[in-house]
C-alpha atoms as a PDB file:
ATOM      1  CA  MET A   1      14.449 -14.417  -6.143  1.00  0.00           C
ATOM      2  CA  ARG A   2      16.382 -13.760  -2.946  1.00  0.00           C
ATOM      3  CA  LYS A   3      18.064 -16.788  -1.408  1.00  0.00           C
ATOM      4  CA  ILE A   4      16.854 -17.127   2.188  1.00  0.00           C
ATOM      5  CA  ASN A   5      17.873 -19.971   4.469  1.00  0.00           C
ATOM      6  CA  TRP A   6      15.227 -20.524   7.135  1.00  0.00           C
ATOM      7  CA  LYS A   7      15.584 -22.838  10.104  1.00  0.00           C
ATOM      8  CA  ASP A   8      15.688 -26.561   9.275  1.00  0.00           C
ATOM      9  CA  ASN A   9      15.645 -25.670   5.561  1.00  0.00           C
ATOM     10  CA  ALA A  10      12.077 -24.369   5.782  1.00  0.00           C
ATOM     11  CA  ARG A  11      10.673 -22.623   2.738  1.00  0.00           C
ATOM     12  CA  CYS A  12       9.221 -19.725   4.761  1.00  0.00           C
ATOM     13  CA  ALA A  13       8.724 -18.554   8.337  1.00  0.00           C
ATOM     14  CA  VAL A  14       5.400 -17.779  10.019  1.00  0.00           C
ATOM     15  CA  SER A  15       4.577 -15.966  13.260  1.00  0.00           C
ATOM     16  CA  LEU A  16       1.134 -15.573  14.788  1.00  0.00           C
ATOM     17  CA  THR A  17       1.076 -12.382  16.838  1.00  0.00           C
ATOM     18  CA  PHE A  18      -1.632 -10.861  19.026  1.00  0.00           C
ATOM     19  CA  ASP A  19      -1.833  -7.259  20.244  1.00  0.00           C
ATOM     20  CA  VAL A  20      -3.731  -7.448  23.539  1.00  0.00           C
ATOM     21  CA  ASP A  21      -4.819  -3.816  23.503  1.00  0.00           C
ATOM     22  CA  GLY A  22      -7.985  -4.334  25.537  1.00  0.00           C
ATOM     23  CA  GLU A  23      -9.493  -1.095  26.759  1.00  0.00           C
ATOM     24  CA  THR A  24      -6.313   0.881  26.046  1.00  0.00           C
ATOM     25  CA  LEU A  25      -7.153   0.935  22.333  1.00  0.00           C
ATOM     26  CA  TRP A  26     -10.255   2.982  23.105  1.00  0.00           C
ATOM     27  CA  ILE A  27      -8.855   5.134  25.921  1.00  0.00           C
ATOM     28  CA  SER A  28      -5.852   6.180  23.825  1.00  0.00           C
ATOM     29  CA  LYS A  29      -8.158   7.140  20.940  1.00  0.00           C
ATOM     30  CA  ASP A  30     -10.305   9.344  23.213  1.00  0.00           C
ATOM     31  CA  PRO A  31      -9.653   9.753  26.975  1.00  0.00           C
ATOM     32  CA  ALA A  32     -13.387  10.402  27.422  1.00  0.00           C
ATOM     33  CA  ASN A  33     -13.961   6.734  26.560  1.00  0.00           C
ATOM     34  CA  GLU A  34     -12.697   5.866  30.054  1.00  0.00           C
ATOM     35  CA  LYS A  35     -16.192   6.861  31.263  1.00  0.00           C
ATOM     36  CA  ARG A  36     -18.039   5.003  28.484  1.00  0.00           C
ATOM     37  CA  THR A  37     -18.673   1.509  29.781  1.00  0.00           C
ATOM     38  CA  GLY A  38     -20.157   0.271  26.527  1.00  0.00           C
ATOM     39  CA  VAL A  39     -17.191   1.405  24.462  1.00  0.00           C
ATOM     40  CA  LEU A  40     -14.705  -0.100  26.927  1.00  0.00           C
ATOM     41  CA  SER A  41     -16.551  -3.409  26.947  1.00  0.00           C
ATOM     42  CA  GLN A  42     -15.412  -3.925  23.340  1.00  0.00           C
ATOM     43  CA  GLY A  43     -11.806  -3.836  24.522  1.00  0.00           C
ATOM     44  CA  ALA A  44     -12.415  -5.837  27.697  1.00  0.00           C
ATOM     45  CA  TYR A  45     -13.675  -8.736  25.591  1.00  0.00           C
ATOM     46  CA  GLY A  46     -10.084  -9.255  24.413  1.00  0.00           C
ATOM     47  CA  PRO A  47      -8.347 -10.204  27.671  1.00  0.00           C
ATOM     48  CA  LYS A  48     -11.497 -11.584  29.326  1.00  0.00           C
ATOM     49  CA  VAL A  49     -12.752 -13.886  26.570  1.00  0.00           C
ATOM     50  CA  GLY A  50     -10.643 -13.635  23.435  1.00  0.00           C
ATOM     51  CA  VAL A  51      -7.242 -14.468  24.927  1.00  0.00           C
ATOM     52  CA  PRO A  52      -8.362 -17.660  26.726  1.00  0.00           C
ATOM     53  CA  LEU A  53     -10.062 -18.916  23.558  1.00  0.00           C
ATOM     54  CA  ILE A  54      -6.963 -18.098  21.490  1.00  0.00           C
ATOM     55  CA  LEU A  55      -4.711 -19.906  23.964  1.00  0.00           C
ATOM     56  CA  ASP A  56      -6.908 -23.008  23.753  1.00  0.00           C
ATOM     57  CA  LEU A  57      -6.720 -22.894  19.942  1.00  0.00           C
ATOM     58  CA  LEU A  58      -2.937 -22.503  19.897  1.00  0.00           C
ATOM     59  CA  ALA A  59      -2.513 -25.343  22.397  1.00  0.00           C
ATOM     60  CA  ARG A  60      -4.470 -27.711  20.158  1.00  0.00           C
ATOM     61  CA  TYR A  61      -1.915 -27.175  17.395  1.00  0.00           C
ATOM     62  CA  ASP A  62       1.130 -26.848  19.676  1.00  0.00           C
ATOM     63  CA  ILE A  63       1.850 -23.373  18.287  1.00  0.00           C
ATOM     64  CA  HIS A  64       3.767 -20.789  20.299  1.00  0.00           C
ATOM     65  CA  ALA A  65       2.894 -17.179  19.512  1.00  0.00           C
ATOM     66  CA  THR A  66       3.878 -13.629  20.462  1.00  0.00           C
ATOM     67  CA  PHE A  67       1.537 -11.435  22.504  1.00  0.00           C
ATOM     68  CA  PHE A  68       2.229  -7.689  22.601  1.00  0.00           C
ATOM     69  CA  VAL A  69       0.687  -6.264  25.761  1.00  0.00           C
ATOM     70  CA  PRO A  70       0.457  -2.671  27.031  1.00  0.00           C
ATOM     71  CA  GLY A  71       1.629  -2.288  30.623  1.00  0.00           C
ATOM     72  CA  TRP A  72      -1.810  -1.068  31.718  1.00  0.00           C
ATOM     73  CA  ILE A  73      -3.373  -4.337  30.539  1.00  0.00           C
ATOM     74  CA  ILE A  74      -0.746  -6.387  32.377  1.00  0.00           C
ATOM     75  CA  GLU A  75      -1.571  -4.571  35.598  1.00  0.00           C
ATOM     76  CA  ARG A  76      -5.338  -4.928  35.076  1.00  0.00           C
ATOM     77  CA  TYR A  77      -5.392  -8.571  33.955  1.00  0.00           C
ATOM     78  CA  PRO A  78      -2.368 -10.273  35.558  1.00  0.00           C
ATOM     79  CA  ALA A  79      -3.954 -13.749  35.685  1.00  0.00           C
ATOM     80  CA  VAL A  80      -4.623 -13.731  31.939  1.00  0.00           C
ATOM     81  CA  ILE A  81      -1.082 -12.576  31.163  1.00  0.00           C
ATOM     82  CA  GLU A  82       0.339 -15.219  33.499  1.00  0.00           C
ATOM     83  CA  ARG A  83      -1.584 -17.843  31.549  1.00  0.00           C
ATOM     84  CA  ILE A  84       0.005 -16.586  28.331  1.00  0.00           C
ATOM     85  CA  VAL A  85       3.449 -16.954  29.895  1.00  0.00           C
ATOM     86  CA  GLN A  86       2.645 -20.389  31.309  1.00  0.00           C
ATOM     87  CA  GLY A  87       1.628 -21.515  27.835  1.00  0.00           C
ATOM     88  CA  GLY A  88       5.172 -20.861  26.599  1.00  0.00           C
ATOM     89  CA  HIS A  89       4.252 -17.791  24.578  1.00  0.00           C
ATOM     90  CA  GLU A  90       6.291 -14.616  24.230  1.00  0.00           C
ATOM     91  CA  ILE A  91       5.294 -11.290  25.818  1.00  0.00           C
ATOM     92  CA  GLY A  92       6.348  -8.232  23.817  1.00  0.00           C
ATOM     93  CA  HIS A  93       6.306  -4.509  24.620  1.00  0.00           C
ATOM     94  CA  HIS A  94       3.337  -2.496  23.327  1.00  0.00           C
ATOM     95  CA  GLY A  95       3.511   0.792  25.208  1.00  0.00           C
ATOM     96  CA  TYR A  96       1.826   1.424  28.524  1.00  0.00           C
ATOM     97  CA  LEU A  97      -1.607   2.835  27.597  1.00  0.00           C
ATOM     98  CA  HIS A  98      -1.303   2.175  23.847  1.00  0.00           C
ATOM     99  CA  GLU A  99       0.165   5.657  23.404  1.00  0.00           C
ATOM    100  CA  TRP A 100       1.360   6.760  19.995  1.00  0.00           C
ATOM    101  CA  PRO A 101       5.007   7.856  20.329  1.00  0.00           C
ATOM    102  CA  ASP A 102       5.606  11.574  19.907  1.00  0.00           C
ATOM    103  CA  SER A 103       8.751  12.539  17.988  1.00  0.00           C
ATOM    104  CA  ASP A 104       8.601  16.002  19.585  1.00  0.00           C
ATOM    105  CA  ASP A 105       8.713  14.603  23.131  1.00  0.00           C
ATOM    106  CA  PRO A 106      11.557  12.074  23.426  1.00  0.00           C
ATOM    107  CA  GLY A 107      11.407  12.281  27.226  1.00  0.00           C
ATOM    108  CA  ALA A 108       7.823  11.043  27.258  1.00  0.00           C
ATOM    109  CA  GLU A 109       8.657   8.276  24.784  1.00  0.00           C
ATOM    110  CA  LYS A 110      11.410   7.007  27.073  1.00  0.00           C
ATOM    111  CA  GLU A 111       9.195   7.266  30.149  1.00  0.00           C
ATOM    112  CA  ILE A 112       6.458   5.214  28.478  1.00  0.00           C
ATOM    113  CA  LEU A 113       8.967   2.617  27.290  1.00  0.00           C
ATOM    114  CA  LEU A 114      10.385   2.206  30.796  1.00  0.00           C
ATOM    115  CA  LYS A 115       6.928   2.055  32.380  1.00  0.00           C
ATOM    116  CA  GLY A 116       5.859  -0.705  30.019  1.00  0.00           C
ATOM    117  CA  LEU A 117       9.148  -2.531  30.629  1.00  0.00           C
ATOM    118  CA  ALA A 118       8.585  -2.485  34.380  1.00  0.00           C
ATOM    119  CA  ALA A 119       5.110  -3.980  34.016  1.00  0.00           C
ATOM    120  CA  ILE A 120       6.408  -6.810  31.814  1.00  0.00           C
ATOM    121  CA  LYS A 121       9.378  -7.586  34.057  1.00  0.00           C
ATOM    122  CA  ASN A 122       7.063  -7.689  37.064  1.00  0.00           C
ATOM    123  CA  ILE A 123       5.088 -10.584  35.592  1.00  0.00           C
ATOM    124  CA  THR A 124       7.698 -12.448  33.507  1.00  0.00           C
ATOM    125  CA  ASN A 125      10.801 -11.752  35.656  1.00  0.00           C
ATOM    126  CA  GLU A 126      12.719 -10.893  32.508  1.00  0.00           C
ATOM    127  CA  PRO A 127      12.791  -8.035  29.997  1.00  0.00           C
ATOM    128  CA  PRO A 128      10.971  -8.421  26.672  1.00  0.00           C
ATOM    129  CA  MET A 129      12.983  -8.983  23.519  1.00  0.00           C
ATOM    130  CA  GLY A 130      10.592  -7.285  21.103  1.00  0.00           C
ATOM    131  CA  TYR A 131       8.795  -3.992  20.661  1.00  0.00           C
ATOM    132  CA  ARG A 132       5.674  -3.220  18.661  1.00  0.00           C
ATOM    133  CA  SER A 133       4.614   0.395  18.782  1.00  0.00           C
ATOM    134  CA  PRO A 134       0.925   1.268  18.989  1.00  0.00           C
ATOM    135  CA  ALA A 135      -0.149   1.933  15.383  1.00  0.00           C
ATOM    136  CA  TRP A 136       3.277   0.639  14.239  1.00  0.00           C
ATOM    137  CA  GLU A 137       4.735   4.138  14.378  1.00  0.00           C
ATOM    138  CA  LEU A 138       8.378   4.895  15.237  1.00  0.00           C
ATOM    139  CA  THR A 139      10.089   8.203  15.940  1.00  0.00           C
ATOM    140  CA  PRO A 140      13.693   9.133  15.080  1.00  0.00           C
ATOM    141  CA  ASN A 141      14.496   8.232  18.715  1.00  0.00           C
ATOM    142  CA  THR A 142      12.828   4.834  18.992  1.00  0.00           C
ATOM    143  CA  LEU A 143      15.520   2.507  17.671  1.00  0.00           C
ATOM    144  CA  ASP A 144      18.220   4.136  19.792  1.00  0.00           C
ATOM    145  CA  LEU A 145      15.957   3.731  22.834  1.00  0.00           C
ATOM    146  CA  LEU A 146      15.394   0.075  22.023  1.00  0.00           C
ATOM    147  CA  LYS A 147      19.117  -0.499  21.667  1.00  0.00           C
ATOM    148  CA  SER A 148      19.857   1.193  24.998  1.00  0.00           C
ATOM    149  CA  GLU A 149      17.323  -1.060  26.748  1.00  0.00           C
ATOM    150  CA  GLY A 150      18.641  -4.260  25.188  1.00  0.00           C
ATOM    151  CA  PHE A 151      15.813  -5.099  22.780  1.00  0.00           C
ATOM    152  CA  LEU A 152      16.497  -7.684  20.082  1.00  0.00           C
ATOM    153  CA  TYR A 153      13.861  -6.696  17.550  1.00  0.00           C
ATOM    154  CA  SER A 154      11.224  -4.264  16.335  1.00  0.00           C
ATOM    155  CA  SER A 155       8.057  -5.357  14.514  1.00  0.00           C
ATOM    156  CA  ASN A 156       6.671  -2.140  13.073  1.00  0.00           C
ATOM    157  CA  LEU A 157       7.723  -1.326   9.513  1.00  0.00           C
ATOM    158  CA  MET A 158       6.314  -2.305   6.139  1.00  0.00           C
ATOM    159  CA  ASP A 159       9.240  -1.911   3.746  1.00  0.00           C
ATOM    160  CA  ASP A 160       9.973  -5.617   3.195  1.00  0.00           C
ATOM    161  CA  PHE A 161       8.552  -9.111   3.720  1.00  0.00           C
ATOM    162  CA  VAL A 162      11.743 -10.612   5.146  1.00  0.00           C
ATOM    163  CA  PRO A 163      13.593  -9.506   8.299  1.00  0.00           C
ATOM    164  CA  TYR A 164      16.470  -7.064   8.121  1.00  0.00           C
ATOM    165  CA  ARG A 165      18.871  -5.318  10.451  1.00  0.00           C
ATOM    166  CA  HIS A 166      18.745  -1.629  11.412  1.00  0.00           C
ATOM    167  CA  PRO A 167      22.030   0.309  11.805  1.00  0.00           C
ATOM    168  CA  GLN A 168      21.465   0.182  15.575  1.00  0.00           C
ATOM    169  CA  GLY A 169      21.625  -3.621  15.413  1.00  0.00           C
ATOM    170  CA  ILE A 170      17.892  -4.051  16.037  1.00  0.00           C
ATOM    171  CA  ILE A 171      16.302  -6.723  13.830  1.00  0.00           C
ATOM    172  CA  GLU A 172      13.173  -5.549  12.006  1.00  0.00           C
ATOM    173  CA  LEU A 173      10.381  -8.109  11.556  1.00  0.00           C
ATOM    174  CA  PRO A 174       8.114  -6.443   8.975  1.00  0.00           C
ATOM    175  CA  VAL A 175       4.334  -6.174   9.220  1.00  0.00           C
ATOM    176  CA  GLN A 176       1.576  -5.175   6.781  1.00  0.00           C
ATOM    177  CA  TRP A 177      -2.000  -3.892   7.126  1.00  0.00           C
ATOM    178  CA  MET A 178      -3.150  -6.561   4.657  1.00  0.00           C
ATOM    179  CA  ILE A 179      -2.298  -9.291   7.168  1.00  0.00           C
ATOM    180  CA  ASP A 180      -3.725  -7.496  10.199  1.00  0.00           C
ATOM    181  CA  ASP A 181      -7.277  -8.161  11.411  1.00  0.00           C
ATOM    182  CA  ALA A 182      -8.104  -4.520  12.292  1.00  0.00           C
ATOM    183  CA  PRO A 183      -8.750  -3.309   8.698  1.00  0.00           C
ATOM    184  CA  TYR A 184     -11.434  -5.992   8.374  1.00  0.00           C
ATOM    185  CA  PHE A 185     -13.037  -5.924  11.821  1.00  0.00           C
ATOM    186  CA  LEU A 186     -12.390  -2.641  13.682  1.00  0.00           C
ATOM    187  CA  PHE A 187     -15.614  -0.642  14.019  1.00  0.00           C
ATOM    188  CA  GLN A 188     -16.173   2.700  15.752  1.00  0.00           C
ATOM    189  CA  THR A 189     -19.468   4.460  16.454  1.00  0.00           C
ATOM    190  CA  ARG A 190     -18.477   8.062  17.239  1.00  0.00           C
ATOM    191  CA  VAL A 191     -16.303   8.673  14.177  1.00  0.00           C
ATOM    192  CA  PRO A 192     -16.700   7.633  10.536  1.00  0.00           C
ATOM    193  CA  SER A 193     -15.827   3.952  10.429  1.00  0.00           C
ATOM    194  CA  ARG A 194     -15.266   1.293   7.825  1.00  0.00           C
ATOM    195  CA  PRO A 195     -17.874  -1.485   7.604  1.00  0.00           C
ATOM    196  CA  ILE A 196     -17.338  -4.783   9.350  1.00  0.00           C
ATOM    197  CA  PHE A 197     -16.325  -7.430   6.811  1.00  0.00           C
ATOM    198  CA  PRO A 198     -17.172 -11.133   7.020  1.00  0.00           C
ATOM    199  CA  ALA A 199     -14.365 -13.299   8.323  1.00  0.00           C
ATOM    200  CA  GLU A 200     -14.092 -15.000   4.936  1.00  0.00           C
ATOM    201  CA  PHE A 201     -12.871 -11.708   3.413  1.00  0.00           C
ATOM    202  CA  ALA A 202      -9.888 -11.685   5.762  1.00  0.00           C
ATOM    203  CA  LEU A 203      -9.281 -15.387   5.244  1.00  0.00           C
ATOM    204  CA  THR A 204      -9.117 -14.963   1.473  1.00  0.00           C
ATOM    205  CA  ALA A 205      -6.711 -12.017   1.715  1.00  0.00           C
ATOM    206  CA  TRP A 206      -4.492 -13.795   4.247  1.00  0.00           C
ATOM    207  CA  GLN A 207      -4.369 -17.001   2.233  1.00  0.00           C
ATOM    208  CA  GLU A 208      -3.452 -15.087  -0.921  1.00  0.00           C
ATOM    209  CA  GLU A 209      -0.649 -13.225   0.829  1.00  0.00           C
ATOM    210  CA  PHE A 210       0.640 -16.351   2.550  1.00  0.00           C
ATOM    211  CA  HIS A 211       0.803 -18.139  -0.796  1.00  0.00           C
ATOM    212  CA  GLY A 212       2.814 -15.258  -2.254  1.00  0.00           C
ATOM    213  CA  ILE A 213       5.172 -15.043   0.707  1.00  0.00           C
ATOM    214  CA  TYR A 214       5.680 -18.809   0.584  1.00  0.00           C
ATOM    215  CA  HIS A 215       6.489 -18.544  -3.129  1.00  0.00           C
ATOM    216  CA  TYR A 216       9.145 -15.889  -2.442  1.00  0.00           C
ATOM    217  CA  ALA A 217      10.476 -17.680   0.659  1.00  0.00           C
ATOM    218  CA  GLY A 218       9.577 -14.768   2.926  1.00  0.00           C
ATOM    219  CA  PHE A 219       8.219 -14.147   6.403  1.00  0.00           C
ATOM    220  CA  PHE A 220       4.458 -14.207   7.119  1.00  0.00           C
ATOM    221  CA  ASN A 221       3.910 -12.039  10.205  1.00  0.00           C
ATOM    222  CA  LEU A 222       0.168 -12.187  10.987  1.00  0.00           C
ATOM    223  CA  THR A 223      -1.079  -9.481  13.367  1.00  0.00           C
ATOM    224  CA  MET A 224      -4.322  -9.970  15.313  1.00  0.00           C
ATOM    225  CA  HIS A 225      -6.188  -8.436  18.241  1.00  0.00           C
ATOM    226  CA  PRO A 226      -8.061 -10.656  20.710  1.00  0.00           C
ATOM    227  CA  GLN A 227     -11.004  -8.238  20.874  1.00  0.00           C
ATOM    228  CA  PHE A 228     -11.480  -8.705  17.095  1.00  0.00           C
ATOM    229  CA  ILE A 229     -10.167 -12.157  16.136  1.00  0.00           C
ATOM    230  CA  GLY A 230     -11.433 -13.612  19.436  1.00  0.00           C
ATOM    231  CA  ARG A 231     -15.081 -13.528  18.316  1.00  0.00           C
ATOM    232  CA  PRO A 232     -16.423 -17.083  17.840  1.00  0.00           C
ATOM    233  CA  GLY A 233     -16.856 -17.003  14.064  1.00  0.00           C
ATOM    234  CA  ARG A 234     -13.485 -15.380  13.505  1.00  0.00           C
ATOM    235  CA  LEU A 235     -11.760 -17.947  15.702  1.00  0.00           C
ATOM    236  CA  LEU A 236     -13.127 -20.652  13.429  1.00  0.00           C
ATOM    237  CA  MET A 237     -11.728 -18.659  10.496  1.00  0.00           C
ATOM    238  CA  LEU A 238      -8.329 -18.452  12.209  1.00  0.00           C
ATOM    239  CA  GLU A 239      -8.369 -22.210  12.653  1.00  0.00           C
ATOM    240  CA  LYS A 240      -8.993 -22.528   8.900  1.00  0.00           C
ATOM    241  CA  MET A 241      -5.993 -20.267   8.323  1.00  0.00           C
ATOM    242  CA  ILE A 242      -3.830 -22.434  10.564  1.00  0.00           C
ATOM    243  CA  HIS A 243      -4.945 -25.519   8.621  1.00  0.00           C
ATOM    244  CA  HIS A 244      -4.080 -23.721   5.388  1.00  0.00           C
ATOM    245  CA  ILE A 245      -0.582 -22.851   6.604  1.00  0.00           C
ATOM    246  CA  LEU A 246       0.016 -26.385   7.856  1.00  0.00           C
ATOM    247  CA  SER A 247      -1.030 -27.814   4.485  1.00  0.00           C
ATOM    248  CA  TYR A 248       2.158 -26.367   2.948  1.00  0.00           C
ATOM    249  CA  PRO A 249       5.401 -28.325   3.330  1.00  0.00           C
ATOM    250  CA  ASP A 250       8.487 -26.895   4.996  1.00  0.00           C
ATOM    251  CA  VAL A 251       6.961 -24.042   6.998  1.00  0.00           C
ATOM    252  CA  TRP A 252       8.617 -22.888  10.226  1.00  0.00           C
ATOM    253  CA  ILE A 253       6.112 -21.455  12.753  1.00  0.00           C
ATOM    254  CA  ALA A 254       7.724 -19.637  15.675  1.00  0.00           C
ATOM    255  CA  PRO A 255       7.371 -16.661  18.041  1.00  0.00           C
ATOM    256  CA  LEU A 256       8.964 -13.450  16.829  1.00  0.00           C
ATOM    257  CA  LYS A 257      11.846 -13.695  19.294  1.00  0.00           C
ATOM    258  CA  ASP A 258      12.943 -16.986  17.734  1.00  0.00           C
ATOM    259  CA  VAL A 259      12.705 -15.598  14.192  1.00  0.00           C
ATOM    260  CA  ALA A 260      14.730 -12.526  15.174  1.00  0.00           C
ATOM    261  CA  ALA A 261      17.361 -14.571  17.017  1.00  0.00           C
ATOM    262  CA  TYR A 262      17.746 -16.950  14.079  1.00  0.00           C
ATOM    263  CA  TRP A 263      18.000 -14.090  11.601  1.00  0.00           C
ATOM    264  CA  LYS A 264      20.645 -12.350  13.696  1.00  0.00           C
ATOM    265  CA  GLU A 265      22.644 -15.554  14.109  1.00  0.00           C
ATOM    266  CA  ARG A 266      22.539 -16.332  10.395  1.00  0.00           C
ATOM    267  CA  ASN A 267      23.226 -12.820   9.142  1.00  0.00           C
ATOM    268  CA  GLY A 268      25.466 -11.336  11.835  1.00  0.00           C
ATOM    269  CA  ASP A 269      26.052  -7.662  11.133  1.00  0.00           C
ATOM    270  CA  ARG A 270      24.652  -7.784   7.616  1.00  0.00           C
ATOM    271  CA  SER A 271      21.394  -5.966   6.783  1.00  0.00           C
END
């Protein structure tokens, strides 16, 4: 077992993260969706209803989380994003219109990164520290771009369950589809789609993985989307998950920026 020293001698670290994709999830999948009010209403539920309910839940447990927000959503829902900031939560970069980065067009990738940066700086008055790519996909150019713009961390890859350092100095905070709400709850009508699973299915899978990560002293990086997890029944499930995490001793719950900063401080230039 790897020896990992978490803050305050915690056994494992936990971050609750929310990708506030809103309508951009649907527009980026099919630009024609911009004219489909019913389709877009699925995304709009996230910033309009899901985020406020999530913020109330987090406040009850004094938990600070990380919210990855596309620039388009920041411009469309500034009051909601301001409330996230006022609650002491972190805003991370998540593209502009939830665009998948194109390895064959590095100019466009940089343009999108800068456009999203400008939207975040306009509402927080400071640059974001973290980047989560739409669909968790990186190109051979991404990490160099992040370094040039002063990012501290990336949260996109699935090749570990503890943080590590890229050669560019960027800290990677690993993710996994198993502990993402989309595989359980994302449903589409115009393309073949998976069924919608009961919230208890996700809860069981998340609890199992948390128990394993706790056993191996790792990092539990839970990814959620307000338009999915923000439904009433699923919010009650998330509260059960929070109770489950808090029932374990010596767990450090923190935004991603704090996990990345601690990892960098403790490990310096080591991977």
